[in-house]
Amino acid sequence: MTTLSAKIPNSLYKQVEELTKKEDLPLDQFVAIALSAQVSAWMAKEYLEERAKRGSWKKFQKILSKVPDIEPEEHDRL
């Protein structure tokens, strides 16, 4: 384990403190969970951006052209 020291606004600390009490979690565990969630989100964004670079709008349109132009069934309507 690594120890991390960080300065955060008092208002954010108060929110975190309230949540840790509400969720009955130690502060360090809460921070680790929050950091993990944010890192995962950033990594997913980067992954999707890389996949998008490999995509082809022309191929996408070709695949969509195979879908019949009909009204959706009742259970599929918004």
PDB file of N, CA and C in Angstrom:
ATOM      1  N   MET A   1       0.845  -1.186   0.000  1.00  0.00           N
ATOM      2  CA  MET A   1       0.000   0.000   0.000  1.00  0.00           C
ATOM      3  C   MET A   1       0.885   1.242   0.000  1.00  0.00           C
ATOM      4  N   THR A   2       0.374   2.268  -0.629  1.00  0.00           N
ATOM      5  CA  THR A   2       1.057   3.552  -0.682  1.00  0.00           C
ATOM      6  C   THR A   2       0.246   4.585   0.079  1.00  0.00           C
ATOM      7  N   THR A   3       0.915   5.427   0.819  1.00  0.00           N
ATOM      8  CA  THR A   3       0.248   6.506   1.532  1.00  0.00           C
ATOM      9  C   THR A   3       0.233   7.732   0.642  1.00  0.00           C
ATOM     10  N   LEU A   4      -0.915   8.376   0.554  1.00  0.00           N
ATOM     11  CA  LEU A   4      -1.097   9.546  -0.287  1.00  0.00           C
ATOM     12  C   LEU A   4      -1.534  10.717   0.580  1.00  0.00           C
ATOM     13  N   SER A   5      -0.889  11.828   0.389  1.00  0.00           N
ATOM     14  CA  SER A   5      -1.270  13.045   1.101  1.00  0.00           C
ATOM     15  C   SER A   5      -1.748  14.040   0.061  1.00  0.00           C
ATOM     16  N   ALA A   6      -2.962  14.561   0.244  1.00  0.00           N
ATOM     17  CA  ALA A   6      -3.520  15.487  -0.742  1.00  0.00           C
ATOM     18  C   ALA A   6      -4.277  16.604  -0.039  1.00  0.00           C
ATOM     19  N   LYS A   7      -4.227  17.782  -0.644  1.00  0.00           N
ATOM     20  CA  LYS A   7      -4.998  18.910  -0.125  1.00  0.00           C
ATOM     21  C   LYS A   7      -6.282  19.001  -0.937  1.00  0.00           C
ATOM     22  N   ILE A   8      -7.400  19.060  -0.225  1.00  0.00           N
ATOM     23  CA  ILE A   8      -8.702  19.193  -0.882  1.00  0.00           C
ATOM     24  C   ILE A   8      -9.485  20.306  -0.184  1.00  0.00           C
ATOM     25  N   PRO A   9     -10.447  20.877  -0.884  1.00  0.00           N
ATOM     26  CA  PRO A   9     -11.259  21.932  -0.259  1.00  0.00           C
ATOM     27  C   PRO A   9     -12.017  21.384   0.962  1.00  0.00           C
ATOM     28  N   ASN A  10     -12.172  22.244   1.957  1.00  0.00           N
ATOM     29  CA  ASN A  10     -12.888  21.852   3.173  1.00  0.00           C
ATOM     30  C   ASN A  10     -14.301  21.366   2.868  1.00  0.00           C
ATOM     31  N   SER A  11     -14.957  22.030   1.928  1.00  0.00           N
ATOM     32  CA  SER A  11     -16.336  21.641   1.596  1.00  0.00           C
ATOM     33  C   SER A  11     -16.391  20.214   1.045  1.00  0.00           C
ATOM     34  N   LEU A  12     -15.413  19.839   0.226  1.00  0.00           N
ATOM     35  CA  LEU A  12     -15.367  18.474  -0.304  1.00  0.00           C
ATOM     36  C   LEU A  12     -15.090  17.483   0.820  1.00  0.00           C
ATOM     37  N   TYR A  13     -14.185  17.834   1.699  1.00  0.00           N
ATOM     38  CA  TYR A  13     -13.877  16.943   2.818  1.00  0.00           C
ATOM     39  C   TYR A  13     -15.117  16.702   3.675  1.00  0.00           C
ATOM     40  N   LYS A  14     -15.888  17.751   3.913  1.00  0.00           N
ATOM     41  CA  LYS A  14     -17.109  17.591   4.719  1.00  0.00           C
ATOM     42  C   LYS A  14     -18.087  16.648   4.031  1.00  0.00           C
ATOM     43  N   GLN A  15     -18.212  16.762   2.719  1.00  0.00           N
ATOM     44  CA  GLN A  15     -19.104  15.851   1.981  1.00  0.00           C
ATOM     45  C   GLN A  15     -18.626  14.410   2.093  1.00  0.00           C
ATOM     46  N   VAL A  16     -17.318  14.220   1.922  1.00  0.00           N
ATOM     47  CA  VAL A  16     -16.742  12.879   2.024  1.00  0.00           C
ATOM     48  C   VAL A  16     -16.935  12.332   3.439  1.00  0.00           C
ATOM     49  N   GLU A  17     -16.706  13.157   4.417  1.00  0.00           N
ATOM     50  CA  GLU A  17     -16.869  12.749   5.811  1.00  0.00           C
ATOM     51  C   GLU A  17     -18.307  12.292   6.077  1.00  0.00           C
ATOM     52  N   GLU A  18     -19.271  13.044   5.577  1.00  0.00           N
ATOM     53  CA  GLU A  18     -20.679  12.677   5.747  1.00  0.00           C
ATOM     54  C   GLU A  18     -20.982  11.345   5.062  1.00  0.00           C
ATOM     55  N   LEU A  19     -20.473  11.179   3.846  1.00  0.00           N
ATOM     56  CA  LEU A  19     -20.729   9.937   3.116  1.00  0.00           C
ATOM     57  C   LEU A  19     -20.094   8.732   3.793  1.00  0.00           C
ATOM     58  N   THR A  20     -18.884   8.888   4.304  1.00  0.00           N
ATOM     59  CA  THR A  20     -18.233   7.750   4.963  1.00  0.00           C
ATOM     60  C   THR A  20     -18.999   7.337   6.218  1.00  0.00           C
ATOM     61  N   LYS A  21     -19.532   8.302   6.931  1.00  0.00           N
ATOM     62  CA  LYS A  21     -20.339   7.971   8.106  1.00  0.00           C
ATOM     63  C   LYS A  21     -21.629   7.279   7.684  1.00  0.00           C
ATOM     64  N   LYS A  22     -22.265   7.825   6.658  1.00  0.00           N
ATOM     65  CA  LYS A  22     -23.525   7.259   6.170  1.00  0.00           C
ATOM     66  C   LYS A  22     -23.331   5.830   5.661  1.00  0.00           C
ATOM     67  N   GLU A  23     -22.241   5.594   4.947  1.00  0.00           N
ATOM     68  CA  GLU A  23     -21.971   4.281   4.368  1.00  0.00           C
ATOM     69  C   GLU A  23     -21.185   3.360   5.296  1.00  0.00           C
ATOM     70  N   ASP A  24     -20.808   3.876   6.452  1.00  0.00           N
ATOM     71  CA  ASP A  24     -20.038   3.123   7.438  1.00  0.00           C
ATOM     72  C   ASP A  24     -18.756   2.554   6.813  1.00  0.00           C
ATOM     73  N   LEU A  25     -18.002   3.450   6.154  1.00  0.00           N
ATOM     74  CA  LEU A  25     -16.746   3.086   5.507  1.00  0.00           C
ATOM     75  C   LEU A  25     -15.601   3.892   6.102  1.00  0.00           C
ATOM     76  N   PRO A  26     -14.436   3.280   6.216  1.00  0.00           N
ATOM     77  CA  PRO A  26     -13.270   4.074   6.616  1.00  0.00           C
ATOM     78  C   PRO A  26     -12.936   5.082   5.508  1.00  0.00           C
ATOM     79  N   LEU A  27     -12.409   6.220   5.888  1.00  0.00           N
ATOM     80  CA  LEU A  27     -12.089   7.273   4.930  1.00  0.00           C
ATOM     81  C   LEU A  27     -11.150   6.778   3.835  1.00  0.00           C
ATOM     82  N   ASP A  28     -10.114   6.026   4.206  1.00  0.00           N
ATOM     83  CA  ASP A  28      -9.160   5.568   3.197  1.00  0.00           C
ATOM     84  C   ASP A  28      -9.802   4.614   2.186  1.00  0.00           C
ATOM     85  N   GLN A  29     -10.723   3.792   2.639  1.00  0.00           N
ATOM     86  CA  GLN A  29     -11.418   2.878   1.730  1.00  0.00           C
ATOM     87  C   GLN A  29     -12.323   3.667   0.778  1.00  0.00           C
ATOM     88  N   PHE A  30     -13.005   4.662   1.305  1.00  0.00           N
ATOM     89  CA  PHE A  30     -13.878   5.494   0.478  1.00  0.00           C
ATOM     90  C   PHE A  30     -13.073   6.205  -0.613  1.00  0.00           C
ATOM     91  N   VAL A  31     -11.932   6.775  -0.227  1.00  0.00           N
ATOM     92  CA  VAL A  31     -11.083   7.485  -1.192  1.00  0.00           C
ATOM     93  C   VAL A  31     -10.567   6.513  -2.251  1.00  0.00           C
ATOM     94  N   ALA A  32     -10.163   5.323  -1.855  1.00  0.00           N
ATOM     95  CA  ALA A  32      -9.678   4.326  -2.814  1.00  0.00           C
ATOM     96  C   ALA A  32     -10.776   3.940  -3.805  1.00  0.00           C
ATOM     97  N   ILE A  33     -11.990   3.773  -3.322  1.00  0.00           N
ATOM     98  CA  ILE A  33     -13.119   3.432  -4.197  1.00  0.00           C
ATOM     99  C   ILE A  33     -13.399   4.572  -5.174  1.00  0.00           C
ATOM    100  N   ALA A  34     -13.407   5.797  -4.659  1.00  0.00           N
ATOM    101  CA  ALA A  34     -13.684   6.961  -5.505  1.00  0.00           C
ATOM    102  C   ALA A  34     -12.604   7.135  -6.568  1.00  0.00           C
ATOM    103  N   LEU A  35     -11.342   6.994  -6.189  1.00  0.00           N
ATOM    104  CA  LEU A  35     -10.250   7.104  -7.160  1.00  0.00           C
ATOM    105  C   LEU A  35     -10.331   6.003  -8.205  1.00  0.00           C
ATOM    106  N   SER A  36     -10.630   4.810  -7.765  1.00  0.00           N
ATOM    107  CA  SER A  36     -10.750   3.682  -8.680  1.00  0.00           C
ATOM    108  C   SER A  36     -11.853   3.925  -9.715  1.00  0.00           C
ATOM    109  N   ALA A  37     -12.978   4.438  -9.267  1.00  0.00           N
ATOM    110  CA  ALA A  37     -14.092   4.718 -10.179  1.00  0.00           C
ATOM    111  C   ALA A  37     -13.703   5.780 -11.201  1.00  0.00           C
ATOM    112  N   GLN A  38     -13.023   6.815 -10.766  1.00  0.00           N
ATOM    113  CA  GLN A  38     -12.641   7.887 -11.682  1.00  0.00           C
ATOM    114  C   GLN A  38     -11.584   7.422 -12.669  1.00  0.00           C
ATOM    115  N   VAL A  39     -10.606   6.670 -12.198  1.00  0.00           N
ATOM    116  CA  VAL A  39      -9.571   6.144 -13.091  1.00  0.00           C
ATOM    117  C   VAL A  39     -10.206   5.233 -14.141  1.00  0.00           C
ATOM    118  N   SER A  40     -11.151   4.392 -13.728  1.00  0.00           N
ATOM    119  CA  SER A  40     -11.844   3.513 -14.678  1.00  0.00           C
ATOM    120  C   SER A  40     -12.579   4.321 -15.738  1.00  0.00           C
ATOM    121  N   ALA A  41     -13.221   5.400 -15.331  1.00  0.00           N
ATOM    122  CA  ALA A  41     -13.947   6.248 -16.281  1.00  0.00           C
ATOM    123  C   ALA A  41     -12.987   6.872 -17.287  1.00  0.00           C
ATOM    124  N   TRP A  42     -11.854   7.371 -16.820  1.00  0.00           N
ATOM    125  CA  TRP A  42     -10.868   7.968 -17.731  1.00  0.00           C
ATOM    126  C   TRP A  42     -10.309   6.927 -18.689  1.00  0.00           C
ATOM    127  N   MET A  43     -10.043   5.730 -18.177  1.00  0.00           N
ATOM    128  CA  MET A  43      -9.503   4.673 -19.032  1.00  0.00           C
ATOM    129  C   MET A  43     -10.531   4.240 -20.074  1.00  0.00           C
ATOM    130  N   ALA A  44     -11.787   4.164 -19.690  1.00  0.00           N
ATOM    131  CA  ALA A  44     -12.834   3.800 -20.636  1.00  0.00           C
ATOM    132  C   ALA A  44     -12.948   4.854 -21.726  1.00  0.00           C
ATOM    133  N   LYS A  45     -12.850   6.111 -21.354  1.00  0.00           N
ATOM    134  CA  LYS A  45     -12.916   7.197 -22.335  1.00  0.00           C
ATOM    135  C   LYS A  45     -11.787   7.064 -23.341  1.00  0.00           C
ATOM    136  N   GLU A  46     -10.572   6.831 -22.846  1.00  0.00           N
ATOM    137  CA  GLU A  46      -9.426   6.665 -23.741  1.00  0.00           C
ATOM    138  C   GLU A  46      -9.609   5.457 -24.650  1.00  0.00           C
ATOM    139  N   TYR A  47     -10.117   4.357 -24.099  1.00  0.00           N
ATOM    140  CA  TYR A  47     -10.357   3.149 -24.880  1.00  0.00           C
ATOM    141  C   TYR A  47     -11.358   3.416 -26.006  1.00  0.00           C
ATOM    142  N   LEU A  48     -12.449   4.099 -25.662  1.00  0.00           N
ATOM    143  CA  LEU A  48     -13.477   4.389 -26.671  1.00  0.00           C
ATOM    144  C   LEU A  48     -12.961   5.346 -27.744  1.00  0.00           C
ATOM    145  N   GLU A  49     -12.127   6.300 -27.337  1.00  0.00           N
ATOM    146  CA  GLU A  49     -11.553   7.219 -28.320  1.00  0.00           C
ATOM    147  C   GLU A  49     -10.639   6.465 -29.284  1.00  0.00           C
ATOM    148  N   GLU A  50      -9.852   5.523 -28.787  1.00  0.00           N
ATOM    149  CA  GLU A  50      -8.985   4.718 -29.656  1.00  0.00           C
ATOM    150  C   GLU A  50      -9.804   3.853 -30.598  1.00  0.00           C
ATOM    151  N   ARG A  51     -10.870   3.246 -30.076  1.00  0.00           N
ATOM    152  CA  ARG A  51     -11.738   2.421 -30.928  1.00  0.00           C
ATOM    153  C   ARG A  51     -12.410   3.272 -31.999  1.00  0.00           C
ATOM    154  N   ALA A  52     -12.803   4.476 -31.645  1.00  0.00           N
ATOM    155  CA  ALA A  52     -13.465   5.363 -32.603  1.00  0.00           C
ATOM    156  C   ALA A  52     -12.527   5.720 -33.752  1.00  0.00           C
ATOM    157  N   LYS A  53     -11.231   5.856 -33.463  1.00  0.00           N
ATOM    158  CA  LYS A  53     -10.261   6.168 -34.514  1.00  0.00           C
ATOM    159  C   LYS A  53     -10.180   5.045 -35.546  1.00  0.00           C
ATOM    160  N   ARG A  54     -10.429   3.823 -35.107  1.00  0.00           N
ATOM    161  CA  ARG A  54     -10.352   2.680 -36.015  1.00  0.00           C
ATOM    162  C   ARG A  54     -11.661   2.449 -36.759  1.00  0.00           C
ATOM    163  N   GLY A  55     -12.695   3.152 -36.353  1.00  0.00           N
ATOM    164  CA  GLY A  55     -14.009   2.959 -36.954  1.00  0.00           C
ATOM    165  C   GLY A  55     -14.102   3.569 -38.345  1.00  0.00           C
ATOM    166  N   SER A  56     -15.112   3.134 -39.065  1.00  0.00           N
ATOM    167  CA  SER A  56     -15.337   3.641 -40.410  1.00  0.00           C
ATOM    168  C   SER A  56     -16.805   4.021 -40.562  1.00  0.00           C
ATOM    169  N   TRP A  57     -17.036   5.288 -40.812  1.00  0.00           N
ATOM    170  CA  TRP A  57     -18.410   5.761 -41.005  1.00  0.00           C
ATOM    171  C   TRP A  57     -19.035   5.092 -42.225  1.00  0.00           C
ATOM    172  N   LYS A  58     -18.249   4.878 -43.267  1.00  0.00           N
ATOM    173  CA  LYS A  58     -18.734   4.241 -44.495  1.00  0.00           C
ATOM    174  C   LYS A  58     -19.194   2.800 -44.216  1.00  0.00           C
ATOM    175  N   LYS A  59     -18.403   2.038 -43.463  1.00  0.00           N
ATOM    176  CA  LYS A  59     -18.784   0.665 -43.121  1.00  0.00           C
ATOM    177  C   LYS A  59     -20.025   0.655 -42.232  1.00  0.00           C
ATOM    178  N   PHE A  60     -20.108   1.609 -41.310  1.00  0.00           N
ATOM    179  CA  PHE A  60     -21.272   1.716 -40.429  1.00  0.00           C
ATOM    180  C   PHE A  60     -22.542   1.958 -41.246  1.00  0.00           C
ATOM    181  N   GLN A  61     -22.457   2.881 -42.200  1.00  0.00           N
ATOM    182  CA  GLN A  61     -23.608   3.172 -43.059  1.00  0.00           C
ATOM    183  C   GLN A  61     -23.995   1.953 -43.891  1.00  0.00           C
ATOM    184  N   LYS A  62     -23.011   1.201 -44.352  1.00  0.00           N
ATOM    185  CA  LYS A  62     -23.273   0.000 -45.146  1.00  0.00           C
ATOM    186  C   LYS A  62     -24.053  -1.025 -44.320  1.00  0.00           C
ATOM    187  N   ILE A  63     -23.640  -1.211 -43.062  1.00  0.00           N
ATOM    188  CA  ILE A  63     -24.338  -2.155 -42.180  1.00  0.00           C
ATOM    189  C   ILE A  63     -25.754  -1.666 -41.894  1.00  0.00           C
ATOM    190  N   LEU A  64     -25.894  -0.367 -41.620  1.00  0.00           N
ATOM    191  CA  LEU A  64     -27.228   0.178 -41.340  1.00  0.00           C
ATOM    192  C   LEU A  64     -28.164   0.051 -42.533  1.00  0.00           C
ATOM    193  N   SER A  65     -27.622   0.097 -43.730  1.00  0.00           N
ATOM    194  CA  SER A  65     -28.463   0.007 -44.924  1.00  0.00           C
ATOM    195  C   SER A  65     -29.141  -1.354 -45.032  1.00  0.00           C
ATOM    196  N   LYS A  66     -28.638  -2.343 -44.300  1.00  0.00           N
ATOM    197  CA  LYS A  66     -29.229  -3.687 -44.322  1.00  0.00           C
ATOM    198  C   LYS A  66     -30.430  -3.813 -43.384  1.00  0.00           C
ATOM    199  N   VAL A  67     -30.621  -2.826 -42.526  1.00  0.00           N
ATOM    200  CA  VAL A  67     -31.738  -2.857 -41.577  1.00  0.00           C
ATOM    201  C   VAL A  67     -33.007  -2.425 -42.305  1.00  0.00           C
ATOM    202  N   PRO A  68     -34.076  -3.225 -42.216  1.00  0.00           N
ATOM    203  CA  PRO A  68     -35.315  -2.853 -42.918  1.00  0.00           C
ATOM    204  C   PRO A  68     -35.907  -1.547 -42.385  1.00  0.00           C
ATOM    205  N   ASP A  69     -36.464  -0.759 -43.270  1.00  0.00           N
ATOM    206  CA  ASP A  69     -37.074   0.524 -42.914  1.00  0.00           C
ATOM    207  C   ASP A  69     -38.543   0.301 -42.596  1.00  0.00           C
ATOM    208  N   ILE A  70     -38.802  -0.218 -41.388  1.00  0.00           N
ATOM    209  CA  ILE A  70     -40.169  -0.508 -40.959  1.00  0.00           C
ATOM    210  C   ILE A  70     -40.387   0.079 -39.573  1.00  0.00           C
ATOM    211  N   GLU A  71     -41.642   0.220 -39.206  1.00  0.00           N
ATOM    212  CA  GLU A  71     -41.984   0.702 -37.872  1.00  0.00           C
ATOM    213  C   GLU A  71     -41.606  -0.362 -36.841  1.00  0.00           C
ATOM    214  N   PRO A  72     -41.133   0.058 -35.672  1.00  0.00           N
ATOM    215  CA  PRO A  72     -40.796  -0.923 -34.635  1.00  0.00           C
ATOM    216  C   PRO A  72     -42.061  -1.588 -34.077  1.00  0.00           C
ATOM    217  N   GLU A  73     -41.879  -2.766 -33.536  1.00  0.00           N
ATOM    218  CA  GLU A  73     -42.992  -3.463 -32.915  1.00  0.00           C
ATOM    219  C   GLU A  73     -43.442  -2.660 -31.688  1.00  0.00           C
ATOM    220  N   GLU A  74     -44.642  -2.874 -31.248  1.00  0.00           N
ATOM    221  CA  GLU A  74     -45.232  -2.095 -30.167  1.00  0.00           C
ATOM    222  C   GLU A  74     -44.341  -2.072 -28.913  1.00  0.00           C
ATOM    223  N   HIS A  75     -43.793  -3.218 -28.530  1.00  0.00           N
ATOM    224  CA  HIS A  75     -42.997  -3.283 -27.299  1.00  0.00           C
ATOM    225  C   HIS A  75     -41.634  -2.593 -27.438  1.00  0.00           C
ATOM    226  N   ASP A  76     -41.241  -2.216 -28.667  1.00  0.00           N
ATOM    227  CA  ASP A  76     -39.965  -1.533 -28.891  1.00  0.00           C
ATOM    228  C   ASP A  76     -40.128  -0.034 -29.084  1.00  0.00           C
ATOM    229  N   ARG A  77     -41.330   0.470 -28.989  1.00  0.00           N
ATOM    230  CA  ARG A  77     -41.554   1.899 -29.200  1.00  0.00           C
ATOM    231  C   ARG A  77     -41.350   2.675 -27.914  1.00  0.00           C
ATOM    232  N   LEU A  78     -40.920   3.920 -28.082  1.00  0.00           N
ATOM    233  CA  LEU A  78     -40.740   4.792 -26.923  1.00  0.00           C
ATOM    234  C   LEU A  78     -42.040   5.429 -26.524  1.00  0.00           C
TER     235      LEU A  78
END
